[in-house]
Each structure stands twice: as C-alpha cells, then as structure tokens.
Amino acid sequence: MPSDSPDDADDAALFRAAIGEVRRIDVEAPPATTARPRPRPRARMAELDEADARATFQQALDTDLLQAGDALSFRRDVVPPRAWQRLRRGEISAQEELDLHGSDVREAEALLRAFLRDAVHAGLGCVRIVHGKGRGGSDYVDSRGAPVLKNLVDRLLRHRADVVAFHSAPAAQGGTGAVLVLLARRAR
C-alpha cells in the first residue's frame, strides 16, 4: 500500500542524492559475448603430480645405477625373514614369467606394468622377470654402460605397492639377468 506522506518523499529524494546519476539499462539488448571461447578446463594439479613423479623417477634412474653383475634386492618389512631367505635361494617357484629381451624401454615398461597387474589380479604369489644383463649390445646399455632394462625393472618394482620383495634369481634360474618377485596377496 503506497503512502504519500512527506517522510516517504524525503526518503526517496535522499536516496537519489546518495546514489547519484543513474542511467537506464536496455533490457532488450543481448548480453555482450567475448570474441574467444573459453579454454577447456585442465587438471593442472594432476599434470603437475605426473610431471613431479616423472622427474623423481628419472632422477632415481640417474643415480646409483646397477651394473650387469649387480644383484637386484629389495624387501618390505611385512616379509618374514624366512620367506626372504627362501626367495633369495630360489626356493619359491615362479608361477609365471615375463621375458623382456628385445624390448625397448617404453615397451618394456608397458609390458612389465601389465604383467604385474595381471599377476596380482590372478592371485599369483611369485613371478620371474627376465631382463637380461645388459651385455647384448647398445640397445641394452646406456651411455655409461649401465644395463637399461635391469635398472628400469629395479626402479619400477621398488615403487609398486603390490611388490613386497624381489631378488635376483639363482644362477640356475637366470642369475643377475632375472629377478624373482614376491607379490602381495590380493585383498578380497
């Protein structure tokens, strides 16, 4: 209910004086558009995490490289000493094997990741990975003479949560050109 009291007129005049000059907006005009479309959103944090992981992995590859005769060895605390000794002596039989001979680094990494994923999914406890000793030519050693596939396998296995232990195989099973890998039990 409108009121024409003098107080209302004074309030309206006071309001207009406070806000200053006003211009009318044409409601029929379409909103202004930008000339360029907006870029698609990117997962920048995921990209940064991936780049950081790649840099850390590369840095790990550049330091403390294994040589052809060096044994691969790694054990998490969850592995009992007796099981660790059996693995080192080759007394735990490998249920499946992957041979990386003839693979380049990218192919070997993809094969190794898929092999381990499948082995864990199948519930395997121990697998053997044949990586070679790095004496087969320039494809298998880097500029410093270090075996590429052997170092790749070592670094990749150390960073996987489903790998609880690994050790170079005994001489009869491939020696320092192969590694026995003990896998974590799959959670049900």
N, C-alpha and C. Protein backbone atom coordinates (compact mmCIF):
# COMPACT_ATOMS: atom_id res chain seq x y z
N MET A 1 0.83 -1.16 0.00
CA MET A 1 0.00 0.00 0.00
C MET A 1 0.88 1.23 0.00
N PRO A 2 0.76 2.02 -1.09
CA PRO A 2 1.61 3.20 -1.24
C PRO A 2 1.21 4.27 -0.24
N SER A 3 2.21 4.95 0.21
CA SER A 3 2.00 6.03 1.16
C SER A 3 2.56 7.31 0.58
N ASP A 4 1.80 8.37 0.63
CA ASP A 4 2.24 9.65 0.07
C ASP A 4 2.63 10.62 1.17
N SER A 5 3.11 10.13 2.24
CA SER A 5 3.49 11.01 3.34
C SER A 5 4.75 11.80 3.00
N PRO A 6 4.97 12.92 3.64
CA PRO A 6 6.15 13.74 3.35
C PRO A 6 7.44 13.01 3.72
N ASP A 7 7.40 12.07 4.69
CA ASP A 7 8.61 11.34 5.06
C ASP A 7 9.07 10.44 3.92
N ASP A 8 8.12 9.82 3.19
CA ASP A 8 8.46 8.96 2.06
C ASP A 8 9.10 9.76 0.94
N ALA A 9 8.62 10.92 0.65
CA ALA A 9 9.18 11.78 -0.40
C ALA A 9 10.58 12.22 -0.02
N ASP A 10 10.78 12.53 1.25
CA ASP A 10 12.11 12.93 1.71
C ASP A 10 13.10 11.75 1.61
N ASP A 11 12.62 10.53 1.92
CA ASP A 11 13.48 9.35 1.82
C ASP A 11 13.88 9.08 0.38
N ALA A 12 12.94 9.22 -0.57
CA ALA A 12 13.24 8.98 -1.98
C ALA A 12 14.24 10.01 -2.50
N ALA A 13 14.07 11.26 -2.11
CA ALA A 13 15.00 12.32 -2.53
C ALA A 13 16.37 12.09 -1.93
N LEU A 14 16.42 11.68 -0.69
CA LEU A 14 17.68 11.39 -0.03
C LEU A 14 18.39 10.21 -0.71
N PHE A 15 17.63 9.17 -1.08
CA PHE A 15 18.20 8.01 -1.77
C PHE A 15 18.81 8.41 -3.12
N ARG A 16 18.06 9.20 -3.94
CA ARG A 16 18.57 9.64 -5.24
C ARG A 16 19.81 10.49 -5.09
N ALA A 17 19.85 11.32 -4.08
CA ALA A 17 21.03 12.17 -3.84
C ALA A 17 22.23 11.32 -3.44
N ALA A 18 22.00 10.22 -2.71
CA ALA A 18 23.11 9.36 -2.24
C ALA A 18 23.73 8.54 -3.37
N ILE A 19 22.92 8.03 -4.30
CA ILE A 19 23.49 7.16 -5.34
C ILE A 19 23.94 7.92 -6.57
N GLY A 20 23.55 9.14 -6.75
CA GLY A 20 24.00 9.94 -7.88
C GLY A 20 23.21 9.67 -9.13
N GLU A 21 23.84 10.00 -10.26
CA GLU A 21 23.17 9.89 -11.55
C GLU A 21 23.00 8.42 -11.94
N VAL A 22 21.86 8.07 -12.52
CA VAL A 22 21.53 6.71 -12.90
C VAL A 22 21.21 6.69 -14.38
N ARG A 23 21.70 5.65 -15.08
CA ARG A 23 21.31 5.50 -16.48
C ARG A 23 20.50 4.23 -16.63
N ARG A 24 19.56 4.28 -17.52
CA ARG A 24 18.64 3.17 -17.73
C ARG A 24 19.34 2.11 -18.59
N ILE A 25 19.13 0.82 -18.23
CA ILE A 25 19.69 -0.30 -18.98
C ILE A 25 18.61 -0.84 -19.91
N ASP A 26 18.99 -1.03 -21.16
CA ASP A 26 18.06 -1.58 -22.13
C ASP A 26 17.97 -3.08 -21.91
N VAL A 27 16.83 -3.57 -21.49
CA VAL A 27 16.67 -4.99 -21.18
C VAL A 27 16.52 -5.85 -22.42
N GLU A 28 16.28 -5.25 -23.56
CA GLU A 28 16.10 -5.99 -24.81
C GLU A 28 17.43 -6.38 -25.45
N ALA A 29 18.53 -5.72 -25.12
CA ALA A 29 19.83 -5.98 -25.75
C ALA A 29 20.39 -7.30 -25.24
N PRO A 30 20.97 -8.11 -26.15
CA PRO A 30 21.57 -9.39 -25.71
C PRO A 30 22.84 -9.10 -24.90
N PRO A 31 23.21 -10.02 -24.02
CA PRO A 31 24.44 -9.81 -23.23
C PRO A 31 25.67 -9.82 -24.14
N ALA A 32 26.65 -9.07 -23.76
CA ALA A 32 27.89 -8.98 -24.54
C ALA A 32 28.61 -10.33 -24.50
N THR A 33 29.16 -10.74 -25.63
CA THR A 33 29.90 -12.01 -25.69
C THR A 33 31.36 -11.71 -25.97
N THR A 34 32.20 -12.61 -25.51
CA THR A 34 33.63 -12.46 -25.76
C THR A 34 33.95 -13.02 -27.14
N ALA A 35 34.99 -12.51 -27.73
CA ALA A 35 35.37 -12.93 -29.07
C ALA A 35 35.93 -14.35 -29.08
N ARG A 36 36.69 -14.71 -28.04
CA ARG A 36 37.31 -16.03 -27.99
C ARG A 36 36.55 -16.94 -27.04
N PRO A 37 36.40 -18.20 -27.41
CA PRO A 37 35.73 -19.14 -26.50
C PRO A 37 36.63 -19.45 -25.30
N ARG A 38 36.02 -19.82 -24.22
CA ARG A 38 36.80 -20.18 -23.03
C ARG A 38 37.58 -21.46 -23.27
N PRO A 39 38.79 -21.53 -22.73
CA PRO A 39 39.56 -22.79 -22.89
C PRO A 39 38.93 -23.90 -22.07
N ARG A 40 39.15 -25.12 -22.51
CA ARG A 40 38.63 -26.28 -21.77
C ARG A 40 39.39 -26.39 -20.46
N PRO A 41 38.72 -26.77 -19.40
CA PRO A 41 39.41 -26.90 -18.11
C PRO A 41 40.42 -28.05 -18.16
N ARG A 42 41.53 -27.86 -17.47
CA ARG A 42 42.57 -28.88 -17.39
C ARG A 42 42.78 -29.28 -15.94
N ALA A 43 43.18 -30.50 -15.76
CA ALA A 43 43.51 -30.98 -14.42
C ALA A 43 44.97 -30.63 -14.15
N ARG A 44 45.21 -29.36 -13.82
CA ARG A 44 46.59 -28.89 -13.66
C ARG A 44 47.32 -29.58 -12.52
N MET A 45 46.64 -29.84 -11.42
CA MET A 45 47.30 -30.49 -10.29
C MET A 45 47.72 -31.92 -10.65
N ALA A 46 46.87 -32.62 -11.38
CA ALA A 46 47.22 -33.97 -11.81
C ALA A 46 48.41 -33.93 -12.76
N GLU A 47 48.44 -32.94 -13.66
CA GLU A 47 49.57 -32.80 -14.59
C GLU A 47 50.85 -32.51 -13.82
N LEU A 48 50.77 -31.64 -12.82
CA LEU A 48 51.95 -31.33 -12.01
C LEU A 48 52.42 -32.55 -11.22
N ASP A 49 51.46 -33.31 -10.67
CA ASP A 49 51.82 -34.52 -9.94
C ASP A 49 52.51 -35.53 -10.85
N GLU A 50 51.98 -35.68 -12.06
CA GLU A 50 52.57 -36.61 -13.03
C GLU A 50 53.98 -36.17 -13.42
N ALA A 51 54.14 -34.87 -13.66
CA ALA A 51 55.46 -34.34 -14.03
C ALA A 51 56.45 -34.53 -12.87
N ASP A 52 55.99 -34.31 -11.65
CA ASP A 52 56.85 -34.49 -10.48
C ASP A 52 57.24 -35.96 -10.32
N ALA A 53 56.28 -36.86 -10.53
CA ALA A 53 56.58 -38.30 -10.43
C ALA A 53 57.59 -38.71 -11.51
N ARG A 54 57.39 -38.19 -12.74
CA ARG A 54 58.33 -38.50 -13.82
C ARG A 54 59.73 -38.00 -13.49
N ALA A 55 59.82 -36.77 -12.94
CA ALA A 55 61.13 -36.20 -12.59
C ALA A 55 61.79 -37.01 -11.48
N THR A 56 61.01 -37.42 -10.48
CA THR A 56 61.56 -38.22 -9.39
C THR A 56 62.03 -39.58 -9.90
N PHE A 57 61.24 -40.19 -10.78
CA PHE A 57 61.61 -41.49 -11.36
C PHE A 57 62.88 -41.35 -12.19
N GLN A 58 62.98 -40.27 -12.99
CA GLN A 58 64.16 -40.06 -13.83
C GLN A 58 65.38 -39.80 -12.97
N GLN A 59 65.21 -39.01 -11.90
CA GLN A 59 66.31 -38.74 -11.00
C GLN A 59 66.81 -40.02 -10.35
N ALA A 60 65.87 -40.88 -9.97
CA ALA A 60 66.25 -42.16 -9.37
C ALA A 60 67.01 -43.02 -10.37
N LEU A 61 66.64 -42.92 -11.65
CA LEU A 61 67.35 -43.68 -12.68
C LEU A 61 68.76 -43.15 -12.89
N ASP A 62 68.95 -41.86 -12.68
CA ASP A 62 70.25 -41.24 -12.94
C ASP A 62 71.26 -41.48 -11.82
N THR A 63 70.80 -41.90 -10.65
CA THR A 63 71.70 -42.11 -9.52
C THR A 63 71.78 -43.59 -9.19
N ASP A 64 72.91 -44.00 -8.69
CA ASP A 64 73.12 -45.37 -8.21
C ASP A 64 72.66 -46.42 -9.21
N LEU A 65 73.16 -46.34 -10.43
CA LEU A 65 72.77 -47.31 -11.44
C LEU A 65 73.40 -48.67 -11.17
N LEU A 66 72.64 -49.71 -11.38
CA LEU A 66 73.15 -51.07 -11.24
C LEU A 66 73.97 -51.43 -12.47
N GLN A 67 74.96 -52.24 -12.27
CA GLN A 67 75.78 -52.73 -13.38
C GLN A 67 75.36 -54.16 -13.72
N ALA A 68 75.92 -54.70 -14.79
CA ALA A 68 75.49 -56.00 -15.32
C ALA A 68 75.55 -57.12 -14.27
N GLY A 69 76.57 -57.17 -13.45
CA GLY A 69 76.72 -58.26 -12.49
C GLY A 69 76.08 -58.01 -11.14
N ASP A 70 75.53 -56.83 -10.92
CA ASP A 70 74.92 -56.50 -9.63
C ASP A 70 73.60 -57.25 -9.43
N ALA A 71 73.37 -57.65 -8.20
CA ALA A 71 72.11 -58.35 -7.87
C ALA A 71 71.05 -57.34 -7.48
N LEU A 72 69.83 -57.59 -7.92
CA LEU A 72 68.68 -56.79 -7.50
C LEU A 72 68.20 -57.35 -6.18
N SER A 73 67.86 -56.47 -5.24
CA SER A 73 67.44 -56.94 -3.93
C SER A 73 66.59 -55.88 -3.25
N PHE A 74 65.42 -56.29 -2.76
CA PHE A 74 64.51 -55.37 -2.07
C PHE A 74 63.55 -56.19 -1.22
N ARG A 75 63.26 -55.68 -0.02
CA ARG A 75 62.35 -56.39 0.88
C ARG A 75 61.62 -55.38 1.76
N ARG A 76 60.30 -55.49 1.80
CA ARG A 76 59.50 -54.68 2.73
C ARG A 76 59.47 -55.38 4.08
N ASP A 77 59.15 -54.62 5.12
CA ASP A 77 59.13 -55.17 6.48
C ASP A 77 58.09 -56.25 6.69
N VAL A 78 57.06 -56.29 5.86
CA VAL A 78 55.99 -57.30 6.03
C VAL A 78 56.45 -58.71 5.65
N VAL A 79 57.58 -58.82 4.97
CA VAL A 79 58.07 -60.13 4.53
C VAL A 79 58.90 -60.75 5.67
N PRO A 80 58.48 -61.91 6.16
CA PRO A 80 59.24 -62.57 7.24
C PRO A 80 60.64 -62.96 6.76
N PRO A 81 61.61 -62.96 7.66
CA PRO A 81 62.99 -63.31 7.28
C PRO A 81 63.09 -64.69 6.62
N ARG A 82 62.31 -65.64 7.06
CA ARG A 82 62.37 -66.99 6.48
C ARG A 82 61.91 -66.97 5.01
N ALA A 83 60.83 -66.26 4.73
CA ALA A 83 60.35 -66.15 3.34
C ALA A 83 61.36 -65.41 2.48
N TRP A 84 62.00 -64.40 3.06
CA TRP A 84 63.04 -63.65 2.33
C TRP A 84 64.21 -64.56 1.97
N GLN A 85 64.65 -65.40 2.88
CA GLN A 85 65.74 -66.33 2.61
C GLN A 85 65.35 -67.33 1.53
N ARG A 86 64.12 -67.83 1.59
CA ARG A 86 63.65 -68.78 0.56
C ARG A 86 63.62 -68.13 -0.82
N LEU A 87 63.19 -66.87 -0.88
CA LEU A 87 63.16 -66.15 -2.15
C LEU A 87 64.58 -65.97 -2.68
N ARG A 88 65.50 -65.57 -1.84
CA ARG A 88 66.89 -65.35 -2.26
C ARG A 88 67.55 -66.63 -2.77
N ARG A 89 67.20 -67.77 -2.18
CA ARG A 89 67.78 -69.04 -2.61
C ARG A 89 67.05 -69.64 -3.81
N GLY A 90 65.94 -69.02 -4.22
CA GLY A 90 65.18 -69.53 -5.36
C GLY A 90 64.29 -70.70 -5.02
N GLU A 91 63.95 -70.86 -3.75
CA GLU A 91 63.13 -71.98 -3.31
C GLU A 91 61.64 -71.73 -3.50
N ILE A 92 61.25 -70.51 -3.79
CA ILE A 92 59.84 -70.21 -4.08
C ILE A 92 59.71 -70.23 -5.60
N SER A 93 58.86 -71.12 -6.08
CA SER A 93 58.76 -71.27 -7.53
C SER A 93 57.93 -70.16 -8.15
N ALA A 94 58.39 -69.69 -9.28
CA ALA A 94 57.68 -68.65 -10.02
C ALA A 94 56.49 -69.28 -10.73
N GLN A 95 55.35 -68.66 -10.60
CA GLN A 95 54.13 -69.19 -11.21
C GLN A 95 53.94 -68.69 -12.64
N GLU A 96 54.64 -67.62 -12.98
CA GLU A 96 54.54 -67.05 -14.33
C GLU A 96 55.84 -66.32 -14.62
N GLU A 97 56.14 -66.12 -15.92
CA GLU A 97 57.40 -65.48 -16.30
C GLU A 97 57.16 -64.47 -17.42
N LEU A 98 57.92 -63.38 -17.37
CA LEU A 98 57.91 -62.36 -18.42
C LEU A 98 59.34 -62.18 -18.90
N ASP A 99 59.55 -62.30 -20.20
CA ASP A 99 60.87 -62.11 -20.80
C ASP A 99 60.88 -60.79 -21.56
N LEU A 100 61.73 -59.87 -21.13
CA LEU A 100 61.79 -58.54 -21.73
C LEU A 100 62.90 -58.41 -22.78
N HIS A 101 63.60 -59.50 -23.08
CA HIS A 101 64.65 -59.43 -24.11
C HIS A 101 64.09 -58.87 -25.41
N GLY A 102 64.82 -57.97 -26.02
CA GLY A 102 64.42 -57.42 -27.30
C GLY A 102 63.44 -56.26 -27.21
N SER A 103 63.00 -55.90 -26.02
CA SER A 103 62.06 -54.78 -25.85
C SER A 103 62.82 -53.48 -25.65
N ASP A 104 62.28 -52.39 -26.21
CA ASP A 104 62.86 -51.09 -25.88
C ASP A 104 62.29 -50.65 -24.53
N VAL A 105 62.77 -49.54 -24.00
CA VAL A 105 62.41 -49.12 -22.65
C VAL A 105 60.91 -48.88 -22.49
N ARG A 106 60.30 -48.16 -23.43
CA ARG A 106 58.87 -47.86 -23.31
C ARG A 106 58.03 -49.14 -23.39
N GLU A 107 58.38 -49.99 -24.32
CA GLU A 107 57.65 -51.24 -24.47
C GLU A 107 57.83 -52.12 -23.23
N ALA A 108 59.07 -52.18 -22.72
CA ALA A 108 59.35 -53.00 -21.54
C ALA A 108 58.57 -52.49 -20.33
N GLU A 109 58.50 -51.18 -20.16
CA GLU A 109 57.75 -50.63 -19.03
C GLU A 109 56.27 -50.97 -19.13
N ALA A 110 55.70 -50.83 -20.32
CA ALA A 110 54.29 -51.14 -20.51
C ALA A 110 54.03 -52.63 -20.28
N LEU A 111 54.90 -53.48 -20.81
CA LEU A 111 54.75 -54.92 -20.62
C LEU A 111 54.85 -55.30 -19.14
N LEU A 112 55.81 -54.71 -18.45
CA LEU A 112 56.03 -55.02 -17.04
C LEU A 112 54.83 -54.59 -16.19
N ARG A 113 54.33 -53.39 -16.43
CA ARG A 113 53.16 -52.91 -15.67
C ARG A 113 51.94 -53.82 -15.90
N ALA A 114 51.70 -54.16 -17.15
CA ALA A 114 50.55 -55.02 -17.47
C ALA A 114 50.73 -56.42 -16.87
N PHE A 115 51.94 -56.96 -16.96
CA PHE A 115 52.24 -58.28 -16.41
C PHE A 115 51.98 -58.32 -14.91
N LEU A 116 52.49 -57.32 -14.18
CA LEU A 116 52.31 -57.29 -12.73
C LEU A 116 50.84 -57.09 -12.35
N ARG A 117 50.14 -56.24 -13.09
CA ARG A 117 48.72 -56.02 -12.82
C ARG A 117 47.95 -57.33 -12.99
N ASP A 118 48.23 -58.04 -14.09
CA ASP A 118 47.55 -59.30 -14.35
C ASP A 118 47.91 -60.37 -13.32
N ALA A 119 49.18 -60.39 -12.91
CA ALA A 119 49.63 -61.39 -11.93
C ALA A 119 48.94 -61.16 -10.59
N VAL A 120 48.85 -59.92 -10.17
CA VAL A 120 48.19 -59.61 -8.90
C VAL A 120 46.70 -59.95 -9.01
N HIS A 121 46.10 -59.59 -10.13
CA HIS A 121 44.67 -59.88 -10.33
C HIS A 121 44.40 -61.39 -10.32
N ALA A 122 45.34 -62.17 -10.84
CA ALA A 122 45.17 -63.63 -10.87
C ALA A 122 45.52 -64.27 -9.53
N GLY A 123 46.03 -63.48 -8.59
CA GLY A 123 46.35 -64.01 -7.27
C GLY A 123 47.67 -64.77 -7.21
N LEU A 124 48.58 -64.50 -8.13
CA LEU A 124 49.88 -65.18 -8.13
C LEU A 124 50.72 -64.64 -6.97
N GLY A 125 51.56 -65.52 -6.41
CA GLY A 125 52.40 -65.12 -5.29
C GLY A 125 53.82 -64.77 -5.69
N CYS A 126 54.35 -65.44 -6.71
CA CYS A 126 55.73 -65.22 -7.12
C CYS A 126 55.83 -65.30 -8.65
N VAL A 127 56.53 -64.35 -9.24
CA VAL A 127 56.75 -64.34 -10.69
C VAL A 127 58.23 -64.08 -10.96
N ARG A 128 58.66 -64.45 -12.17
CA ARG A 128 60.04 -64.21 -12.60
C ARG A 128 60.01 -63.24 -13.78
N ILE A 129 60.90 -62.27 -13.74
CA ILE A 129 61.04 -61.31 -14.83
C ILE A 129 62.46 -61.43 -15.36
N VAL A 130 62.59 -61.76 -16.63
CA VAL A 130 63.89 -61.88 -17.28
C VAL A 130 64.16 -60.56 -17.98
N HIS A 131 65.16 -59.84 -17.50
CA HIS A 131 65.50 -58.53 -18.05
C HIS A 131 66.83 -58.53 -18.79
N GLY A 132 67.63 -59.54 -18.60
CA GLY A 132 68.94 -59.61 -19.23
C GLY A 132 69.97 -58.89 -18.39
N LYS A 133 71.22 -59.08 -18.77
CA LYS A 133 72.31 -58.47 -18.01
C LYS A 133 72.82 -57.19 -18.65
N GLY A 134 72.33 -56.87 -19.83
CA GLY A 134 72.78 -55.64 -20.46
C GLY A 134 74.05 -55.81 -21.25
N ARG A 135 74.33 -57.00 -21.68
CA ARG A 135 75.56 -57.24 -22.45
C ARG A 135 75.26 -57.52 -23.91
N GLY A 136 73.98 -57.40 -24.30
CA GLY A 136 73.58 -57.79 -25.65
C GLY A 136 73.77 -56.74 -26.72
N GLY A 137 74.36 -55.60 -26.42
CA GLY A 137 74.57 -54.57 -27.43
C GLY A 137 74.14 -53.21 -26.95
N SER A 138 74.23 -52.23 -27.84
CA SER A 138 73.97 -50.84 -27.46
C SER A 138 72.51 -50.59 -27.10
N ASP A 139 71.58 -51.45 -27.52
CA ASP A 139 70.18 -51.28 -27.18
C ASP A 139 69.91 -51.55 -25.70
N TYR A 140 70.78 -52.27 -25.06
CA TYR A 140 70.54 -52.70 -23.69
C TYR A 140 71.36 -51.94 -22.66
N VAL A 141 72.29 -51.09 -23.08
CA VAL A 141 73.10 -50.32 -22.14
C VAL A 141 73.00 -48.85 -22.50
N ASP A 142 73.13 -48.00 -21.47
CA ASP A 142 73.08 -46.56 -21.73
C ASP A 142 74.49 -46.05 -22.00
N SER A 143 74.65 -44.74 -22.09
CA SER A 143 75.94 -44.15 -22.43
C SER A 143 77.00 -44.39 -21.36
N ARG A 144 76.58 -44.72 -20.14
CA ARG A 144 77.53 -45.00 -19.07
C ARG A 144 77.83 -46.48 -18.94
N GLY A 145 77.25 -47.29 -19.81
CA GLY A 145 77.48 -48.73 -19.78
C GLY A 145 76.57 -49.47 -18.81
N ALA A 146 75.57 -48.81 -18.25
CA ALA A 146 74.66 -49.45 -17.30
C ALA A 146 73.52 -50.13 -18.06
N PRO A 147 73.11 -51.32 -17.63
CA PRO A 147 72.02 -52.03 -18.28
C PRO A 147 70.68 -51.30 -18.08
N VAL A 148 70.05 -50.91 -19.16
CA VAL A 148 68.84 -50.09 -19.12
C VAL A 148 67.65 -50.86 -18.56
N LEU A 149 67.38 -52.03 -19.11
CA LEU A 149 66.20 -52.78 -18.67
C LEU A 149 66.31 -53.23 -17.22
N LYS A 150 67.50 -53.63 -16.82
CA LYS A 150 67.71 -54.07 -15.44
C LYS A 150 67.42 -52.92 -14.47
N ASN A 151 67.90 -51.73 -14.77
CA ASN A 151 67.66 -50.57 -13.90
C ASN A 151 66.19 -50.15 -13.94
N LEU A 152 65.56 -50.27 -15.09
CA LEU A 152 64.14 -49.95 -15.20
C LEU A 152 63.32 -50.90 -14.32
N VAL A 153 63.60 -52.19 -14.40
CA VAL A 153 62.88 -53.19 -13.60
C VAL A 153 63.08 -52.92 -12.11
N ASP A 154 64.31 -52.64 -11.71
CA ASP A 154 64.61 -52.37 -10.31
C ASP A 154 63.81 -51.18 -9.79
N ARG A 155 63.85 -50.07 -10.51
CA ARG A 155 63.15 -48.86 -10.05
C ARG A 155 61.63 -49.04 -10.06
N LEU A 156 61.11 -49.68 -11.09
CA LEU A 156 59.67 -49.84 -11.18
C LEU A 156 59.14 -50.76 -10.07
N LEU A 157 59.85 -51.85 -9.80
CA LEU A 157 59.41 -52.78 -8.76
C LEU A 157 59.44 -52.12 -7.38
N ARG A 158 60.43 -51.29 -7.12
CA ARG A 158 60.55 -50.63 -5.81
C ARG A 158 59.38 -49.68 -5.53
N HIS A 159 58.80 -49.13 -6.58
CA HIS A 159 57.74 -48.14 -6.42
C HIS A 159 56.33 -48.72 -6.45
N ARG A 160 56.21 -50.02 -6.57
CA ARG A 160 54.88 -50.64 -6.62
C ARG A 160 54.50 -51.17 -5.25
N ALA A 161 53.29 -50.83 -4.82
CA ALA A 161 52.81 -51.27 -3.51
C ALA A 161 52.51 -52.76 -3.49
N ASP A 162 52.20 -53.35 -4.66
CA ASP A 162 51.87 -54.77 -4.70
C ASP A 162 53.10 -55.68 -4.77
N VAL A 163 54.30 -55.10 -4.80
CA VAL A 163 55.54 -55.87 -4.76
C VAL A 163 56.09 -55.78 -3.35
N VAL A 164 56.18 -56.93 -2.65
CA VAL A 164 56.66 -56.91 -1.27
C VAL A 164 58.13 -57.26 -1.16
N ALA A 165 58.67 -57.97 -2.15
CA ALA A 165 60.09 -58.31 -2.14
C ALA A 165 60.50 -58.78 -3.53
N PHE A 166 61.79 -58.60 -3.84
CA PHE A 166 62.36 -59.19 -5.05
C PHE A 166 63.85 -59.37 -4.86
N HIS A 167 64.38 -60.35 -5.59
CA HIS A 167 65.82 -60.63 -5.54
C HIS A 167 66.23 -61.27 -6.85
N SER A 168 67.46 -61.00 -7.26
CA SER A 168 67.97 -61.64 -8.46
C SER A 168 67.89 -63.15 -8.30
N ALA A 169 67.59 -63.81 -9.38
CA ALA A 169 67.40 -65.26 -9.36
C ALA A 169 68.73 -65.98 -9.15
N PRO A 170 68.68 -67.20 -8.63
CA PRO A 170 69.91 -68.01 -8.54
C PRO A 170 70.44 -68.28 -9.96
N ALA A 171 71.69 -68.68 -10.05
CA ALA A 171 72.34 -68.89 -11.35
C ALA A 171 71.56 -69.85 -12.24
N ALA A 172 70.98 -70.90 -11.69
CA ALA A 172 70.24 -71.89 -12.48
C ALA A 172 68.93 -71.32 -13.04
N GLN A 173 68.45 -70.20 -12.50
CA GLN A 173 67.19 -69.62 -12.95
C GLN A 173 67.37 -68.30 -13.68
N GLY A 174 68.61 -67.98 -14.06
CA GLY A 174 68.85 -66.75 -14.81
C GLY A 174 69.85 -65.81 -14.18
N GLY A 175 70.22 -66.08 -12.93
CA GLY A 175 71.23 -65.27 -12.26
C GLY A 175 70.86 -63.79 -12.21
N THR A 176 71.84 -62.92 -12.43
CA THR A 176 71.60 -61.48 -12.34
C THR A 176 70.91 -60.92 -13.59
N GLY A 177 70.49 -61.81 -14.49
CA GLY A 177 69.71 -61.39 -15.66
C GLY A 177 68.22 -61.61 -15.48
N ALA A 178 67.83 -62.08 -14.29
CA ALA A 178 66.42 -62.32 -14.00
C ALA A 178 66.17 -61.98 -12.53
N VAL A 179 64.93 -61.74 -12.22
CA VAL A 179 64.58 -61.40 -10.85
C VAL A 179 63.31 -62.14 -10.45
N LEU A 180 63.31 -62.67 -9.22
CA LEU A 180 62.13 -63.30 -8.65
C LEU A 180 61.39 -62.25 -7.83
N VAL A 181 60.11 -62.14 -8.06
CA VAL A 181 59.31 -61.08 -7.43
C VAL A 181 58.22 -61.72 -6.57
N LEU A 182 58.16 -61.33 -5.31
CA LEU A 182 57.14 -61.79 -4.39
C LEU A 182 56.04 -60.72 -4.35
N LEU A 183 54.82 -61.12 -4.66
CA LEU A 183 53.70 -60.19 -4.75
C LEU A 183 52.83 -60.23 -3.51
N ALA A 184 52.21 -59.11 -3.20
CA ALA A 184 51.28 -59.03 -2.07
C ALA A 184 50.02 -59.80 -2.40
N ARG A 185 49.41 -60.35 -1.37
CA ARG A 185 48.13 -61.05 -1.58
C ARG A 185 47.08 -60.03 -1.92
N ARG A 186 46.24 -60.40 -2.86
CA ARG A 186 45.16 -59.50 -3.32
C ARG A 186 44.08 -59.43 -2.26
N ALA A 187 43.67 -58.22 -1.92
CA ALA A 187 42.60 -58.02 -0.94
C ALA A 187 41.28 -58.46 -1.55
N ARG A 188 40.48 -59.17 -0.79
CA ARG A 188 39.20 -59.66 -1.32
C ARG A 188 38.08 -58.75 -0.92
